[in-house]
């Protein structure tokens, strides 16, 4: 789990710093990525780039991983403190969310968002 956790820590840090190319390099070319703003998924690195470009033009999200745990069938579950502000700094949302990743061959293959009201990964 440690290599995947280190990868995801770099991904979160890069996302928060808006280092898009560095974060996209952590993903498989054909990544399936949850679209938390509009719903559904986006596909491939170009899809993620387009999604984040639209998202960052509207809001200022910051996601801080709190806990990492192994999930079923090779998933890595991350409980995340997510703070979203508008572009003027006004708080829009401050909540815990659960991110679920599938990492293979050192790259993120899939990312989903799940309801965080269930048990925490350590339970």
C-alpha atoms as a PDB file:
ATOM      1  CA  UNK A   1       0.000   0.000   0.000  1.00  0.00           C
ATOM      2  CA  UNK A   2       2.842   2.422   0.687  1.00  0.00           C
ATOM      3  CA  UNK A   3       3.780   3.088  -2.971  1.00  0.00           C
ATOM      4  CA  UNK A   4       0.145   3.785  -3.845  1.00  0.00           C
ATOM      5  CA  UNK A   5      -0.284   5.993  -0.763  1.00  0.00           C
ATOM      6  CA  UNK A   6       2.804   7.994  -1.697  1.00  0.00           C
ATOM      7  CA  UNK A   7       1.447   8.372  -5.243  1.00  0.00           C
ATOM      8  CA  UNK A   8      -1.877   9.648  -3.911  1.00  0.00           C
ATOM      9  CA  UNK A   9      -0.205  12.040  -1.483  1.00  0.00           C
ATOM     10  CA  UNK A  10       1.678  13.532  -4.447  1.00  0.00           C
ATOM     11  CA  UNK A  11      -1.579  13.664  -6.403  1.00  0.00           C
ATOM     12  CA  UNK A  12      -3.418  15.548  -3.628  1.00  0.00           C
ATOM     13  CA  UNK A  13      -0.506  17.936  -3.091  1.00  0.00           C
ATOM     14  CA  UNK A  14      -0.240  18.630  -6.806  1.00  0.00           C
ATOM     15  CA  UNK A  15      -3.998  19.142  -7.120  1.00  0.00           C
ATOM     16  CA  UNK A  16      -4.040  21.638  -4.253  1.00  0.00           C
ATOM     17  CA  UNK A  17      -1.066  23.503  -5.765  1.00  0.00           C
ATOM     18  CA  UNK A  18      -2.761  23.413  -9.207  1.00  0.00           C
ATOM     19  CA  UNK A  19       0.197  21.600 -10.764  1.00  0.00           C
ATOM     20  CA  UNK A  20      -2.046  19.940 -13.324  1.00  0.00           C
ATOM     21  CA  UNK A  21       0.639  18.329 -15.498  1.00  0.00           C
ATOM     22  CA  UNK A  22       2.326  16.726 -12.479  1.00  0.00           C
ATOM     23  CA  UNK A  23      -0.995  15.318 -11.281  1.00  0.00           C
ATOM     24  CA  UNK A  24      -1.998  14.063 -14.720  1.00  0.00           C
ATOM     25  CA  UNK A  25       1.339  12.225 -14.904  1.00  0.00           C
ATOM     26  CA  UNK A  26       0.119  10.131 -11.923  1.00  0.00           C
ATOM     27  CA  UNK A  27      -2.768   8.822 -14.045  1.00  0.00           C
ATOM     28  CA  UNK A  28      -3.114   6.162 -16.694  1.00  0.00           C
ATOM     29  CA  UNK A  29      -3.731   7.630 -20.156  1.00  0.00           C
ATOM     30  CA  UNK A  30      -7.231   6.093 -20.142  1.00  0.00           C
ATOM     31  CA  UNK A  31      -8.085   6.948 -16.518  1.00  0.00           C
ATOM     32  CA  UNK A  32     -11.744   6.940 -15.463  1.00  0.00           C
ATOM     33  CA  UNK A  33     -12.238   9.943 -13.139  1.00  0.00           C
ATOM     34  CA  UNK A  34     -15.333  10.925 -11.148  1.00  0.00           C
ATOM     35  CA  UNK A  35     -16.739  14.331 -12.046  1.00  0.00           C
ATOM     36  CA  UNK A  36     -17.698  15.618  -8.597  1.00  0.00           C
ATOM     37  CA  UNK A  37     -18.978  18.932  -9.957  1.00  0.00           C
ATOM     38  CA  UNK A  38     -21.220  17.858 -12.822  1.00  0.00           C
ATOM     39  CA  UNK A  39     -21.776  14.164 -12.097  1.00  0.00           C
ATOM     40  CA  UNK A  40     -20.729  11.069 -13.976  1.00  0.00           C
ATOM     41  CA  UNK A  41     -17.152  10.462 -15.049  1.00  0.00           C
ATOM     42  CA  UNK A  42     -14.607  11.943 -17.409  1.00  0.00           C
ATOM     43  CA  UNK A  43     -12.279   9.735 -19.418  1.00  0.00           C
ATOM     44  CA  UNK A  44      -8.581   9.935 -20.110  1.00  0.00           C
ATOM     45  CA  UNK A  45      -6.032  12.527 -19.091  1.00  0.00           C
ATOM     46  CA  UNK A  46      -7.464  15.035 -21.573  1.00  0.00           C
ATOM     47  CA  UNK A  47     -10.918  14.580 -20.048  1.00  0.00           C
ATOM     48  CA  UNK A  48      -9.535  15.244 -16.557  1.00  0.00           C
ATOM     49  CA  UNK A  49      -7.622  18.294 -17.833  1.00  0.00           C
ATOM     50  CA  UNK A  50     -10.783  19.741 -19.415  1.00  0.00           C
ATOM     51  CA  UNK A  51     -12.845  18.996 -16.290  1.00  0.00           C
ATOM     52  CA  UNK A  52     -10.357  20.618 -13.904  1.00  0.00           C
ATOM     53  CA  UNK A  53      -9.960  23.620 -16.191  1.00  0.00           C
ATOM     54  CA  UNK A  54     -13.744  24.178 -16.050  1.00  0.00           C
ATOM     55  CA  UNK A  55     -13.900  23.443 -12.306  1.00  0.00           C
ATOM     56  CA  UNK A  56     -11.036  25.757 -11.337  1.00  0.00           C
ATOM     57  CA  UNK A  57     -12.590  28.583 -13.384  1.00  0.00           C
ATOM     58  CA  UNK A  58     -15.694  28.383 -11.139  1.00  0.00           C
ATOM     59  CA  UNK A  59     -14.514  27.263  -7.682  1.00  0.00           C
ATOM     60  CA  UNK A  60     -11.403  26.863  -5.534  1.00  0.00           C
ATOM     61  CA  UNK A  61     -11.378  23.322  -4.078  1.00  0.00           C
ATOM     62  CA  UNK A  62      -8.827  22.090  -1.539  1.00  0.00           C
ATOM     63  CA  UNK A  63      -8.714  18.400  -0.575  1.00  0.00           C
ATOM     64  CA  UNK A  64      -6.629  17.103   2.308  1.00  0.00           C
ATOM     65  CA  UNK A  65      -6.315  13.327   2.814  1.00  0.00           C
ATOM     66  CA  UNK A  66      -6.987  12.311   6.415  1.00  0.00           C
ATOM     67  CA  UNK A  67      -6.864   8.516   6.334  1.00  0.00           C
ATOM     68  CA  UNK A  68      -5.815   5.849   3.820  1.00  0.00           C
ATOM     69  CA  UNK A  69      -7.045   2.250   3.911  1.00  0.00           C
ATOM     70  CA  UNK A  70      -7.133  -0.818   1.709  1.00  0.00           C
ATOM     71  CA  UNK A  71     -10.560  -1.465   0.246  1.00  0.00           C
ATOM     72  CA  UNK A  72     -12.116  -4.472  -1.458  1.00  0.00           C
ATOM     73  CA  UNK A  73     -10.778  -5.788  -4.744  1.00  0.00           C
ATOM     74  CA  UNK A  74      -7.580  -3.742  -4.758  1.00  0.00           C
ATOM     75  CA  UNK A  75      -9.188  -0.394  -4.025  1.00  0.00           C
ATOM     76  CA  UNK A  76      -7.505   2.272  -1.954  1.00  0.00           C
ATOM     77  CA  UNK A  77      -9.967   4.290   0.150  1.00  0.00           C
ATOM     78  CA  UNK A  78      -9.102   7.814   1.240  1.00  0.00           C
ATOM     79  CA  UNK A  79     -11.146   9.855   3.690  1.00  0.00           C
ATOM     80  CA  UNK A  80     -10.658  13.469   2.658  1.00  0.00           C
ATOM     81  CA  UNK A  81     -11.399  16.836   4.222  1.00  0.00           C
ATOM     82  CA  UNK A  82     -12.753  18.856   1.296  1.00  0.00           C
ATOM     83  CA  UNK A  83     -13.077  22.632   1.483  1.00  0.00           C
ATOM     84  CA  UNK A  84     -14.584  24.462  -1.469  1.00  0.00           C
ATOM     85  CA  UNK A  85     -14.587  28.231  -1.837  1.00  0.00           C
ATOM     86  CA  UNK A  86     -15.796  30.502  -4.576  1.00  0.00           C
ATOM     87  CA  UNK A  87     -13.182  32.493  -6.484  1.00  0.00           C
ATOM     88  CA  UNK A  88     -13.577  35.390  -4.024  1.00  0.00           C
ATOM     89  CA  UNK A  89     -12.748  33.145  -1.052  1.00  0.00           C
ATOM     90  CA  UNK A  90     -16.306  32.668   0.264  1.00  0.00           C
ATOM     91  CA  UNK A  91     -16.779  29.242   1.858  1.00  0.00           C
ATOM     92  CA  UNK A  92     -19.192  27.076  -0.140  1.00  0.00           C
ATOM     93  CA  UNK A  93     -18.594  23.673   1.441  1.00  0.00           C
ATOM     94  CA  UNK A  94     -16.541  22.143   4.246  1.00  0.00           C
ATOM     95  CA  UNK A  95     -17.077  18.407   4.665  1.00  0.00           C
ATOM     96  CA  UNK A  96     -15.567  14.962   4.725  1.00  0.00           C
ATOM     97  CA  UNK A  97     -15.763  12.891   1.549  1.00  0.00           C
ATOM     98  CA  UNK A  98     -14.559   9.420   0.649  1.00  0.00           C
ATOM     99  CA  UNK A  99     -12.402   8.936  -2.426  1.00  0.00           C
ATOM    100  CA  UNK A 100     -11.841   5.483  -3.879  1.00  0.00           C
ATOM    101  CA  UNK A 101      -8.895   4.792  -6.166  1.00  0.00           C
ATOM    102  CA  UNK A 102      -7.699   1.865  -8.200  1.00  0.00           C
ATOM    103  CA  UNK A 103      -3.944   2.085  -8.721  1.00  0.00           C
ATOM    104  CA  UNK A 104      -2.207  -0.351 -11.072  1.00  0.00           C
ATOM    105  CA  UNK A 105       1.386  -0.348 -12.298  1.00  0.00           C
ATOM    106  CA  UNK A 106       2.065   2.849 -10.381  1.00  0.00           C
ATOM    107  CA  UNK A 107      -0.711   4.897 -12.028  1.00  0.00           C
ATOM    108  CA  UNK A 108      -4.282   5.811 -11.071  1.00  0.00           C
ATOM    109  CA  UNK A 109      -6.616   3.771 -13.256  1.00  0.00           C
ATOM    110  CA  UNK A 110      -9.919   4.868 -11.683  1.00  0.00           C
ATOM    111  CA  UNK A 111     -11.221   7.411  -9.182  1.00  0.00           C
ATOM    112  CA  UNK A 112     -14.693   7.446  -7.623  1.00  0.00           C
ATOM    113  CA  UNK A 113     -16.412   9.460  -4.904  1.00  0.00           C
ATOM    114  CA  UNK A 114     -18.540   7.622  -2.361  1.00  0.00           C
ATOM    115  CA  UNK A 115     -20.821   8.665   0.442  1.00  0.00           C
ATOM    116  CA  UNK A 116     -18.686   9.300   3.515  1.00  0.00           C
ATOM    117  CA  UNK A 117     -21.519   8.596   5.976  1.00  0.00           C
ATOM    118  CA  UNK A 118     -20.597   4.902   6.160  1.00  0.00           C
ATOM    119  CA  UNK A 119     -17.958   3.404   8.428  1.00  0.00           C
ATOM    120  CA  UNK A 120     -14.474   4.893   8.240  1.00  0.00           C
ATOM    121  CA  UNK A 121     -11.781   2.711   6.649  1.00  0.00           C
ATOM    122  CA  UNK A 122     -10.464   1.667  10.062  1.00  0.00           C
ATOM    123  CA  UNK A 123     -13.847   0.418  11.264  1.00  0.00           C
END
